[in-house]
Amino acid sequence: MTAAEENTKIVVGLGNPGERYDQTRHNVGFEVINELASRMSAGPGRGKFEGDIVSSSYGGVRWLLVRPLTFMNLSGRCVAALVKFYKVDPEKSLLIVCDDISLPLGKLRIRGKGSAGGQKGLNHILQSLGTQSVARLRIGVGEPPPGWDAADYVLGRFKSEEQPIIHAAVQEACDAVQDWGQHDLNHCMNRFN
């Protein structure tokens, strides 16, 4: 592995493509990627591997900020192609950012491995890579109200009173991603969990 490959970090924010899904709970991963690209003064994205990829050099790290353009449940196609093309170790150089209905609104949870916990996009990625040892940063979007279907809930938008909380969570998630890239997963977990 070359020094450049060693220092390449791939951050994948999960969501669904299209205006219909903008600002929904399920697209909070896209929001993190958008904010990271802005922070890093990255140029426009380019379509490749069924994703929108923004490349940036920031803080001595080569960042690939990715929004898969498949629907959420097929995100693994994009991620597996990226990992193969860039020859990165998914256990060290890949971080998935996604929503989580089992966490309170705005709460972050960072882990290095484990099951998908019902998140279908993350599940497809783990299946496509053949490992559960992939770092993931989950952002709590709150539980569906009683009687609501989980799919309908995550495809809904945040209420006006929830928006400041999720905005702060996106900012904190970006801080966590940058910390992971500059240090390592354990450092990031100790600081943000």
C-alpha atoms as a PDB file:
ATOM      1  CA  MET A   1       0.000   0.000   0.000  1.00  0.00           C
ATOM      2  CA  THR A   2       1.404   3.398  -0.955  1.00  0.00           C
ATOM      3  CA  ALA A   3       1.587   6.333   1.440  1.00  0.00           C
ATOM      4  CA  ALA A   4      -1.236   8.051  -0.499  1.00  0.00           C
ATOM      5  CA  GLU A   5      -3.468   4.972  -0.214  1.00  0.00           C
ATOM      6  CA  GLU A   6      -2.599   4.692   3.490  1.00  0.00           C
ATOM      7  CA  ASN A   7      -3.742   8.289   4.000  1.00  0.00           C
ATOM      8  CA  THR A   8      -6.974   8.042   1.988  1.00  0.00           C
ATOM      9  CA  LYS A   9     -10.178   8.173   4.005  1.00  0.00           C
ATOM     10  CA  ILE A  10     -13.549   7.356   2.458  1.00  0.00           C
ATOM     11  CA  VAL A  11     -16.589   8.814   4.217  1.00  0.00           C
ATOM     12  CA  VAL A  12     -19.947   7.602   2.927  1.00  0.00           C
ATOM     13  CA  GLY A  13     -23.095   9.448   3.946  1.00  0.00           C
ATOM     14  CA  LEU A  14     -26.235   7.420   3.404  1.00  0.00           C
ATOM     15  CA  GLY A  15     -29.445   8.767   1.952  1.00  0.00           C
ATOM     16  CA  ASN A  16     -31.741   8.579  -1.034  1.00  0.00           C
ATOM     17  CA  PRO A  17     -31.139  10.601  -4.215  1.00  0.00           C
ATOM     18  CA  GLY A  18     -33.598  13.179  -5.490  1.00  0.00           C
ATOM     19  CA  GLU A  19     -35.293  16.342  -4.239  1.00  0.00           C
ATOM     20  CA  ARG A  20     -38.179  14.325  -2.823  1.00  0.00           C
ATOM     21  CA  TYR A  21     -35.850  13.020  -0.087  1.00  0.00           C
ATOM     22  CA  ASP A  22     -33.941  16.244   0.716  1.00  0.00           C
ATOM     23  CA  GLN A  23     -33.970  17.130   4.418  1.00  0.00           C
ATOM     24  CA  THR A  24     -35.608  13.833   5.453  1.00  0.00           C
ATOM     25  CA  ARG A  25     -34.495  11.847   8.484  1.00  0.00           C
ATOM     26  CA  HIS A  26     -33.111   9.114   6.227  1.00  0.00           C
ATOM     27  CA  ASN A  27     -30.856  11.639   4.430  1.00  0.00           C
ATOM     28  CA  VAL A  28     -28.958  12.939   7.447  1.00  0.00           C
ATOM     29  CA  GLY A  29     -25.854  11.144   6.106  1.00  0.00           C
ATOM     30  CA  PHE A  30     -26.047  13.271   2.943  1.00  0.00           C
ATOM     31  CA  GLU A  31     -26.260  16.386   5.124  1.00  0.00           C
ATOM     32  CA  VAL A  32     -23.001  15.443   6.855  1.00  0.00           C
ATOM     33  CA  ILE A  33     -21.248  14.938   3.507  1.00  0.00           C
ATOM     34  CA  ASN A  34     -22.524  18.307   2.259  1.00  0.00           C
ATOM     35  CA  GLU A  35     -21.260  20.068   5.386  1.00  0.00           C
ATOM     36  CA  LEU A  36     -17.876  18.311   5.261  1.00  0.00           C
ATOM     37  CA  ALA A  37     -17.426  19.321   1.617  1.00  0.00           C
ATOM     38  CA  SER A  38     -18.188  22.931   2.583  1.00  0.00           C
ATOM     39  CA  ARG A  39     -15.772  22.861   5.537  1.00  0.00           C
ATOM     40  CA  MET A  40     -13.003  21.433   3.365  1.00  0.00           C
ATOM     41  CA  SER A  41     -13.675  23.914   0.541  1.00  0.00           C
ATOM     42  CA  ALA A  42     -13.991  20.928  -1.767  1.00  0.00           C
ATOM     43  CA  GLY A  43     -14.906  21.377  -5.404  1.00  0.00           C
ATOM     44  CA  PRO A  44     -17.972  19.935  -7.102  1.00  0.00           C
ATOM     45  CA  GLY A  45     -18.688  16.238  -6.952  1.00  0.00           C
ATOM     46  CA  ARG A  46     -18.371  13.883  -9.869  1.00  0.00           C
ATOM     47  CA  GLY A  47     -20.457  10.871 -10.704  1.00  0.00           C
ATOM     48  CA  LYS A  48     -18.543   7.617 -10.416  1.00  0.00           C
ATOM     49  CA  PHE A  49     -19.268   4.130  -9.054  1.00  0.00           C
ATOM     50  CA  GLU A  50     -22.993   4.938  -8.763  1.00  0.00           C
ATOM     51  CA  GLY A  51     -22.176   7.768  -6.387  1.00  0.00           C
ATOM     52  CA  ASP A  52     -21.463  11.464  -6.164  1.00  0.00           C
ATOM     53  CA  ILE A  53     -17.839  11.755  -5.013  1.00  0.00           C
ATOM     54  CA  VAL A  54     -16.117  14.870  -3.736  1.00  0.00           C
ATOM     55  CA  SER A  55     -12.354  14.665  -3.353  1.00  0.00           C
ATOM     56  CA  SER A  56     -10.376  16.935  -1.051  1.00  0.00           C
ATOM     57  CA  SER A  57      -6.972  17.171   0.564  1.00  0.00           C
ATOM     58  CA  TYR A  58      -7.454  18.526   4.034  1.00  0.00           C
ATOM     59  CA  GLY A  59      -5.313  18.263   7.144  1.00  0.00           C
ATOM     60  CA  GLY A  60      -2.809  15.946   5.478  1.00  0.00           C
ATOM     61  CA  VAL A  61      -5.533  13.462   4.538  1.00  0.00           C
ATOM     62  CA  ARG A  62      -6.955  12.642   1.111  1.00  0.00           C
ATOM     63  CA  TRP A  63     -10.710  12.622   1.655  1.00  0.00           C
ATOM     64  CA  LEU A  64     -13.296  11.002  -0.587  1.00  0.00           C
ATOM     65  CA  LEU A  65     -16.729  12.236   0.486  1.00  0.00           C
ATOM     66  CA  VAL A  66     -19.399  10.019  -1.012  1.00  0.00           C
ATOM     67  CA  ARG A  67     -23.153  10.122  -1.458  1.00  0.00           C
ATOM     68  CA  PRO A  68     -24.315   6.857  -3.079  1.00  0.00           C
ATOM     69  CA  LEU A  69     -26.822   7.607  -5.824  1.00  0.00           C
ATOM     70  CA  THR A  70     -28.460   4.200  -5.652  1.00  0.00           C
ATOM     71  CA  PHE A  71     -31.363   4.093  -3.270  1.00  0.00           C
ATOM     72  CA  MET A  72     -30.441   3.502   0.361  1.00  0.00           C
ATOM     73  CA  ASN A  73     -30.966  -0.273   0.297  1.00  0.00           C
ATOM     74  CA  LEU A  74     -28.401  -0.717  -2.519  1.00  0.00           C
ATOM     75  CA  SER A  75     -25.638   1.509  -1.095  1.00  0.00           C
ATOM     76  CA  GLY A  76     -23.208  -1.410  -0.949  1.00  0.00           C
ATOM     77  CA  ARG A  77     -22.777  -1.409  -4.731  1.00  0.00           C
ATOM     78  CA  CYS A  78     -21.185   2.044  -4.656  1.00  0.00           C
ATOM     79  CA  VAL A  79     -19.133   1.404  -1.512  1.00  0.00           C
ATOM     80  CA  ALA A  80     -17.735  -1.976  -2.598  1.00  0.00           C
ATOM     81  CA  ALA A  81     -16.653  -0.518  -5.970  1.00  0.00           C
ATOM     82  CA  LEU A  82     -14.891   2.406  -4.235  1.00  0.00           C
ATOM     83  CA  VAL A  83     -13.066   0.185  -1.750  1.00  0.00           C
ATOM     84  CA  LYS A  84     -11.890  -2.074  -4.571  1.00  0.00           C
ATOM     85  CA  PHE A  85     -10.813   0.757  -6.892  1.00  0.00           C
ATOM     86  CA  TYR A  86      -8.928   2.753  -4.263  1.00  0.00           C
ATOM     87  CA  LYS A  87      -7.492  -0.387  -2.623  1.00  0.00           C
ATOM     88  CA  VAL A  88      -8.279   0.757   0.905  1.00  0.00           C
ATOM     89  CA  ASP A  89      -8.724  -1.420   3.961  1.00  0.00           C
ATOM     90  CA  PRO A  90     -12.396  -0.944   4.920  1.00  0.00           C
ATOM     91  CA  GLU A  91     -11.560  -1.602   8.582  1.00  0.00           C
ATOM     92  CA  LYS A  92      -9.157   1.368   8.698  1.00  0.00           C
ATOM     93  CA  SER A  93     -10.119   3.785   5.950  1.00  0.00           C
ATOM     94  CA  LEU A  94     -13.913   3.656   5.588  1.00  0.00           C
ATOM     95  CA  LEU A  95     -16.558   5.391   7.703  1.00  0.00           C
ATOM     96  CA  ILE A  96     -20.310   5.136   7.093  1.00  0.00           C
ATOM     97  CA  VAL A  97     -22.584   7.946   8.338  1.00  0.00           C
ATOM     98  CA  CYS A  98     -26.265   7.092   8.693  1.00  0.00           C
ATOM     99  CA  ASP A  99     -29.494   7.765  10.557  1.00  0.00           C
ATOM    100  CA  ASP A 100     -30.620   5.637  13.493  1.00  0.00           C
ATOM    101  CA  ILE A 101     -34.195   5.490  14.810  1.00  0.00           C
ATOM    102  CA  SER A 102     -33.120   3.708  17.996  1.00  0.00           C
ATOM    103  CA  LEU A 103     -31.079   6.718  19.178  1.00  0.00           C
ATOM    104  CA  PRO A 104     -32.611   9.885  20.644  1.00  0.00           C
ATOM    105  CA  LEU A 105     -32.776  12.846  18.292  1.00  0.00           C
ATOM    106  CA  GLY A 106     -29.314  14.355  17.805  1.00  0.00           C
ATOM    107  CA  LYS A 107     -27.354  11.693  19.730  1.00  0.00           C
ATOM    108  CA  LEU A 108     -24.218  10.312  18.041  1.00  0.00           C
ATOM    109  CA  ARG A 109     -22.879   6.775  18.353  1.00  0.00           C
ATOM    110  CA  ILE A 110     -19.605   5.655  16.793  1.00  0.00           C
ATOM    111  CA  ARG A 111     -18.592   2.000  16.530  1.00  0.00           C
ATOM    112  CA  GLY A 112     -15.932   0.061  14.673  1.00  0.00           C
ATOM    113  CA  LYS A 113     -17.935  -3.074  14.013  1.00  0.00           C
ATOM    114  CA  GLY A 114     -21.172  -4.880  14.664  1.00  0.00           C
ATOM    115  CA  SER A 115     -24.486  -5.585  13.026  1.00  0.00           C
ATOM    116  CA  ALA A 116     -26.405  -3.106  10.927  1.00  0.00           C
ATOM    117  CA  GLY A 117     -29.019  -2.767  13.669  1.00  0.00           C
ATOM    118  CA  GLY A 118     -31.874  -2.644  11.181  1.00  0.00           C
ATOM    119  CA  GLN A 119     -30.342   0.113   9.000  1.00  0.00           C
ATOM    120  CA  LYS A 120     -30.839  -1.357   5.520  1.00  0.00           C
ATOM    121  CA  GLY A 121     -28.263   0.793   3.736  1.00  0.00           C
ATOM    122  CA  LEU A 122     -25.586  -0.134   6.263  1.00  0.00           C
ATOM    123  CA  ASN A 123     -26.673  -3.774   6.044  1.00  0.00           C
ATOM    124  CA  HIS A 124     -26.209  -3.821   2.266  1.00  0.00           C
ATOM    125  CA  ILE A 125     -22.739  -2.296   2.659  1.00  0.00           C
ATOM    126  CA  LEU A 126     -21.675  -4.908   5.237  1.00  0.00           C
ATOM    127  CA  GLN A 127     -23.003  -7.696   3.008  1.00  0.00           C
ATOM    128  CA  SER A 128     -21.289  -6.260  -0.086  1.00  0.00           C
ATOM    129  CA  LEU A 129     -17.940  -5.960   1.710  1.00  0.00           C
ATOM    130  CA  GLY A 130     -18.267  -9.328   3.458  1.00  0.00           C
ATOM    131  CA  THR A 131     -17.391  -7.927   6.890  1.00  0.00           C
ATOM    132  CA  GLN A 132     -19.042  -6.294   9.879  1.00  0.00           C
ATOM    133  CA  SER A 133     -15.751  -4.578  10.788  1.00  0.00           C
ATOM    134  CA  VAL A 134     -16.618  -1.240   9.229  1.00  0.00           C
ATOM    135  CA  ALA A 135     -16.670   1.996  11.235  1.00  0.00           C
ATOM    136  CA  ARG A 136     -20.040   3.661  11.432  1.00  0.00           C
ATOM    137  CA  LEU A 137     -21.279   6.932  12.831  1.00  0.00           C
ATOM    138  CA  ARG A 138     -24.969   6.819  13.615  1.00  0.00           C
ATOM    139  CA  ILE A 139     -27.004   9.968  14.130  1.00  0.00           C
ATOM    140  CA  GLY A 140     -30.154   9.642  16.185  1.00  0.00           C
ATOM    141  CA  VAL A 141     -33.326  10.762  14.445  1.00  0.00           C
ATOM    142  CA  GLY A 142     -35.644   9.605  17.236  1.00  0.00           C
ATOM    143  CA  GLU A 143     -38.163   6.784  17.351  1.00  0.00           C
ATOM    144  CA  PRO A 144     -41.302   6.744  15.212  1.00  0.00           C
ATOM    145  CA  PRO A 145     -44.416   7.824  17.120  1.00  0.00           C
ATOM    146  CA  PRO A 146     -46.743   4.983  18.193  1.00  0.00           C
ATOM    147  CA  GLY A 147     -48.624   3.528  15.251  1.00  0.00           C
ATOM    148  CA  TRP A 148     -46.215   4.946  12.651  1.00  0.00           C
ATOM    149  CA  ASP A 149     -44.465   2.751  10.112  1.00  0.00           C
ATOM    150  CA  ALA A 150     -40.672   3.101  10.488  1.00  0.00           C
ATOM    151  CA  ALA A 151     -40.183   3.535   6.719  1.00  0.00           C
ATOM    152  CA  ASP A 152     -42.732   6.366   6.575  1.00  0.00           C
ATOM    153  CA  TYR A 153     -41.119   8.010   9.595  1.00  0.00           C
ATOM    154  CA  VAL A 154     -37.555   8.060   8.228  1.00  0.00           C
ATOM    155  CA  LEU A 155     -38.771   9.351   4.877  1.00  0.00           C
ATOM    156  CA  GLY A 156     -40.447  12.278   6.643  1.00  0.00           C
ATOM    157  CA  ARG A 157     -38.868  15.659   7.346  1.00  0.00           C
ATOM    158  CA  PHE A 158     -37.807  16.991  10.720  1.00  0.00           C
ATOM    159  CA  LYS A 159     -40.331  19.142  12.567  1.00  0.00           C
ATOM    160  CA  SER A 160     -39.419  22.808  12.963  1.00  0.00           C
ATOM    161  CA  GLU A 161     -38.568  22.319  16.647  1.00  0.00           C
ATOM    162  CA  GLU A 162     -36.286  19.368  15.744  1.00  0.00           C
ATOM    163  CA  GLN A 163     -34.298  21.243  13.112  1.00  0.00           C
ATOM    164  CA  PRO A 164     -31.900  23.092  15.483  1.00  0.00           C
ATOM    165  CA  ILE A 165     -31.127  19.794  17.248  1.00  0.00           C
ATOM    166  CA  ILE A 166     -30.357  17.915  14.044  1.00  0.00           C
ATOM    167  CA  HIS A 167     -28.353  20.869  12.686  1.00  0.00           C
ATOM    168  CA  ALA A 168     -26.159  20.771  15.820  1.00  0.00           C
ATOM    169  CA  ALA A 169     -25.841  16.980  15.468  1.00  0.00           C
ATOM    170  CA  VAL A 170     -24.676  17.329  11.846  1.00  0.00           C
ATOM    171  CA  GLN A 171     -22.016  19.835  12.961  1.00  0.00           C
ATOM    172  CA  GLU A 172     -20.871  17.512  15.752  1.00  0.00           C
ATOM    173  CA  ALA A 173     -20.856  14.555  13.352  1.00  0.00           C
ATOM    174  CA  CYS A 174     -18.566  16.525  11.021  1.00  0.00           C
ATOM    175  CA  ASP A 175     -16.242  17.216  13.959  1.00  0.00           C
ATOM    176  CA  ALA A 176     -16.233  13.491  14.719  1.00  0.00           C
ATOM    177  CA  VAL A 177     -15.461  12.540  11.105  1.00  0.00           C
ATOM    178  CA  GLN A 178     -12.555  14.978  10.966  1.00  0.00           C
ATOM    179  CA  ASP A 179     -11.271  13.654  14.304  1.00  0.00           C
ATOM    180  CA  TRP A 180     -11.433  10.077  12.954  1.00  0.00           C
ATOM    181  CA  GLY A 181      -9.452  11.108   9.863  1.00  0.00           C
ATOM    182  CA  GLN A 182      -6.787  12.963  11.825  1.00  0.00           C
ATOM    183  CA  HIS A 183      -6.411  10.429  14.648  1.00  0.00           C
ATOM    184  CA  ASP A 184      -8.144   7.051  14.714  1.00  0.00           C
ATOM    185  CA  LEU A 185     -11.408   5.389  15.597  1.00  0.00           C
ATOM    186  CA  ASN A 186     -10.617   4.863  19.305  1.00  0.00           C
ATOM    187  CA  HIS A 187      -9.700   8.524  19.747  1.00  0.00           C
ATOM    188  CA  CYS A 188     -12.929   9.508  18.001  1.00  0.00           C
ATOM    189  CA  MET A 189     -15.058   7.118  20.086  1.00  0.00           C
ATOM    190  CA  ASN A 190     -13.536   8.370  23.337  1.00  0.00           C
ATOM    191  CA  ARG A 191     -14.219  11.968  22.403  1.00  0.00           C
ATOM    192  CA  PHE A 192     -17.700  11.744  20.852  1.00  0.00           C
ATOM    193  CA  ASN A 193     -19.534   8.717  22.339  1.00  0.00           C
END
